[in-house]
């Protein structure tokens, strides 16, 4: 049995993969990735914005650490899961597929597939100020809906998982204020 589990693979999620993985998994564990942080660092011109009014989506950018979820996927399902993740996470190739090592909740380490922000991609927004991020998020909308809903979902799901990401919480407060100023009804976005 040990040899079968050693062929299993892990996937690290730090955003919507945490609450909506979309694939079958054998085990789900809290995990921390050192050296990367969760950030709204990628312009969205389809799902959460348009070319005329881009929004922002999450990525992993260098620095700090990020709490997320690691999923263990059995070896027999791995090819299907990997194909699904590539299709889901790389429609515009703004992410780079990478293997990282995370620390699981009991302290052991596991190599995981994750998707890092491609800093050479034209949609790379970089390190925008909180104000610039909030302005983009407050008024953007795309195929998947309002950008602020994506941020609200993130903060709510992180809280449900016992994760306090103060930078995301501050961003939500400011984007909500700006949304009200622009006439967006925050209550209707949830």
Protein backbone atom coordinates (compact mmCIF):
# COMPACT_ATOMS: atom_id res chain seq x y z
CA UNK A 1 0.00 0.00 0.00
CA UNK A 2 2.88 2.37 0.72
CA UNK A 3 4.18 2.02 -2.83
CA UNK A 4 0.77 2.91 -4.29
CA UNK A 5 0.57 6.05 -2.14
CA UNK A 6 4.12 7.07 -3.07
CA UNK A 7 2.97 7.24 -6.72
CA UNK A 8 0.16 9.59 -5.71
CA UNK A 9 0.63 13.29 -6.44
CA UNK A 10 -0.28 16.48 -4.56
CA UNK A 11 -1.85 19.73 -5.79
CA UNK A 12 -1.56 23.04 -3.89
CA UNK A 13 -4.46 25.50 -4.03
CA UNK A 14 -4.37 29.05 -2.66
CA UNK A 15 -7.48 30.57 -4.25
CA UNK A 16 -10.62 29.06 -5.74
CA UNK A 17 -9.00 25.60 -5.86
CA UNK A 18 -9.38 25.67 -2.06
CA UNK A 19 -13.16 25.62 -2.17
CA UNK A 20 -13.90 24.54 -5.75
CA UNK A 21 -11.22 22.10 -6.85
CA UNK A 22 -13.29 20.51 -9.60
CA UNK A 23 -11.45 17.18 -9.47
CA UNK A 24 -11.54 13.99 -7.42
CA UNK A 25 -9.02 13.76 -4.60
CA UNK A 26 -8.15 11.17 -2.00
CA UNK A 27 -7.06 13.52 0.81
CA UNK A 28 -7.32 17.25 1.58
CA UNK A 29 -4.91 18.88 4.05
CA UNK A 30 -4.11 22.43 5.17
CA UNK A 31 -0.70 23.44 3.82
CA UNK A 32 1.77 26.33 3.83
CA UNK A 33 4.01 27.36 0.95
CA UNK A 34 7.06 29.39 1.97
CA UNK A 35 8.58 31.99 -0.36
CA UNK A 36 5.34 32.92 -2.15
CA UNK A 37 2.34 35.00 -1.22
CA UNK A 38 -1.24 35.30 -2.44
CA UNK A 39 -1.72 38.51 -4.46
CA UNK A 40 -4.03 40.11 -6.99
CA UNK A 41 -1.23 40.42 -9.52
CA UNK A 42 -2.74 39.29 -12.83
CA UNK A 43 -4.96 41.41 -15.08
CA UNK A 44 -8.17 39.64 -16.03
CA UNK A 45 -9.57 40.59 -19.42
CA UNK A 46 -12.05 37.71 -19.76
CA UNK A 47 -13.34 36.14 -16.54
CA UNK A 48 -13.31 39.13 -14.16
CA UNK A 49 -12.80 42.05 -16.53
CA UNK A 50 -12.61 43.11 -20.16
CA UNK A 51 -9.83 44.52 -22.32
CA UNK A 52 -11.46 47.96 -21.85
CA UNK A 53 -11.87 47.57 -18.08
CA UNK A 54 -9.53 44.87 -16.78
CA UNK A 55 -10.04 43.29 -13.41
CA UNK A 56 -7.55 41.38 -11.29
CA UNK A 57 -7.22 37.73 -10.32
CA UNK A 58 -5.02 35.92 -7.86
CA UNK A 59 -1.55 34.64 -8.40
CA UNK A 60 1.42 33.57 -6.35
CA UNK A 61 4.11 36.20 -6.29
CA UNK A 62 7.54 35.99 -4.64
CA UNK A 63 7.88 36.73 -0.94
CA UNK A 64 6.30 35.75 2.35
CA UNK A 65 4.25 32.60 2.75
CA UNK A 66 0.76 31.49 1.88
CA UNK A 67 -1.66 29.18 3.64
CA UNK A 68 -3.75 27.03 1.38
CA UNK A 69 -4.84 23.45 0.77
CA UNK A 70 -2.97 20.42 -0.56
CA UNK A 71 -4.94 17.68 -2.28
CA UNK A 72 -3.57 14.17 -2.68
CA UNK A 73 -4.58 12.68 -6.01
CA UNK A 74 -4.25 8.96 -6.62
CA UNK A 75 -1.86 7.83 -9.34
CA UNK A 76 -4.66 6.38 -11.48
CA UNK A 77 -6.48 9.74 -11.56
CA UNK A 78 -3.38 11.90 -11.94
CA UNK A 79 -3.31 12.18 -15.78
CA UNK A 80 -6.97 13.27 -15.85
CA UNK A 81 -6.51 15.75 -12.96
CA UNK A 82 -3.34 17.22 -14.44
CA UNK A 83 -5.07 17.73 -17.82
CA UNK A 84 -8.05 19.37 -16.10
CA UNK A 85 -5.80 21.71 -14.10
CA UNK A 86 -3.82 22.74 -17.17
CA UNK A 87 -7.05 23.60 -18.98
CA UNK A 88 -8.48 25.44 -15.97
CA UNK A 89 -5.40 27.36 -14.89
CA UNK A 90 -3.72 28.13 -18.20
CA UNK A 91 -6.32 29.38 -20.70
CA UNK A 92 -4.23 32.50 -21.38
CA UNK A 93 -0.94 31.06 -20.11
CA UNK A 94 -0.64 33.67 -17.35
CA UNK A 95 0.54 30.96 -14.95
CA UNK A 96 3.55 28.69 -15.02
CA UNK A 97 3.11 25.09 -13.92
CA UNK A 98 5.60 24.35 -11.16
CA UNK A 99 6.45 21.81 -8.50
CA UNK A 100 6.81 23.35 -5.05
CA UNK A 101 7.31 21.86 -1.60
CA UNK A 102 4.66 22.64 1.00
CA UNK A 103 4.48 21.91 4.71
CA UNK A 104 1.35 19.95 5.56
CA UNK A 105 -0.63 20.49 8.77
CA UNK A 106 1.17 17.73 10.69
CA UNK A 107 4.58 19.13 9.73
CA UNK A 108 5.57 16.73 6.97
CA UNK A 109 6.62 18.11 3.60
CA UNK A 110 5.06 17.22 0.25
CA UNK A 111 5.96 18.11 -3.33
CA UNK A 112 2.94 19.73 -4.99
CA UNK A 113 1.89 20.88 -8.41
CA UNK A 114 0.85 24.52 -8.36
CA UNK A 115 0.62 27.41 -10.79
CA UNK A 116 2.89 30.43 -10.27
CA UNK A 117 2.32 33.84 -11.82
CA UNK A 118 4.30 34.33 -15.02
CA UNK A 119 5.97 37.69 -14.49
CA UNK A 120 6.88 37.90 -18.19
CA UNK A 121 3.27 37.58 -19.39
CA UNK A 122 1.54 40.77 -20.66
CA UNK A 123 -1.25 40.25 -18.09
CA UNK A 124 1.23 40.41 -15.18
CA UNK A 125 0.12 43.39 -13.09
CA UNK A 126 2.97 43.19 -10.62
CA UNK A 127 2.93 44.78 -7.21
CA UNK A 128 0.10 47.28 -7.46
CA UNK A 129 -0.75 49.47 -4.49
CA UNK A 130 -3.81 48.54 -2.45
CA UNK A 131 -5.59 51.59 -3.91
CA UNK A 132 -4.80 50.59 -7.52
CA UNK A 133 -5.96 47.01 -6.88
CA UNK A 134 -9.17 48.21 -5.22
CA UNK A 135 -9.97 50.57 -8.12
CA UNK A 136 -9.54 47.80 -10.67
CA UNK A 137 -11.55 45.26 -8.67
CA UNK A 138 -14.38 47.65 -7.68
CA UNK A 139 -15.71 48.26 -11.17
CA UNK A 140 -14.60 45.27 -13.24
CA UNK A 141 -16.85 42.52 -14.54
CA UNK A 142 -16.29 39.72 -17.02
CA UNK A 143 -17.61 36.37 -18.20
CA UNK A 144 -17.51 34.95 -14.65
CA UNK A 145 -19.15 38.00 -13.08
CA UNK A 146 -18.14 40.91 -10.90
CA UNK A 147 -14.52 41.06 -9.84
CA UNK A 148 -15.49 42.11 -6.32
CA UNK A 149 -17.53 38.90 -5.94
CA UNK A 150 -14.35 36.92 -6.59
CA UNK A 151 -12.60 38.90 -3.83
CA UNK A 152 -15.56 38.50 -1.43
CA UNK A 153 -15.67 34.76 -2.07
CA UNK A 154 -11.96 34.50 -1.43
CA UNK A 155 -12.12 36.35 1.90
CA UNK A 156 -15.21 34.39 3.03
CA UNK A 157 -13.73 31.03 2.12
CA UNK A 158 -10.42 31.87 3.74
CA UNK A 159 -12.26 32.80 6.94
CA UNK A 160 -14.27 29.57 6.78
CA UNK A 161 -10.95 27.70 6.56
CA UNK A 162 -9.63 29.58 9.60
CA UNK A 163 -7.24 31.71 7.53
CA UNK A 164 -6.99 35.43 8.23
CA UNK A 165 -5.39 37.16 5.26
CA UNK A 166 -5.34 40.75 6.42
CA UNK A 167 -4.14 42.11 3.09
CA UNK A 168 -7.13 40.52 1.31
CA UNK A 169 -9.49 41.80 4.02
CA UNK A 170 -8.14 45.36 3.67
CA UNK A 171 -8.47 45.12 -0.10
CA UNK A 172 -12.09 44.01 0.22
CA UNK A 173 -12.94 46.93 2.51
CA UNK A 174 -11.43 49.46 0.10
CA UNK A 175 -12.88 47.87 -3.06
CA UNK A 176 -16.33 47.84 -1.42
CA UNK A 177 -16.01 51.55 -0.55
CA UNK A 178 -15.00 52.38 -4.12
CA UNK A 179 -17.78 50.20 -5.52
CA UNK A 180 -20.32 52.19 -3.52
CA UNK A 181 -18.84 55.43 -4.85
CA UNK A 182 -19.20 54.10 -8.41
CA UNK A 183 -22.82 53.14 -7.76
CA UNK A 184 -22.22 49.41 -7.60
CA UNK A 185 -24.61 47.83 -5.08
CA UNK A 186 -22.39 45.63 -2.92
CA UNK A 187 -25.25 43.62 -1.47
CA UNK A 188 -26.36 42.46 -4.91
CA UNK A 189 -22.94 41.03 -5.70
CA UNK A 190 -22.98 38.24 -3.15
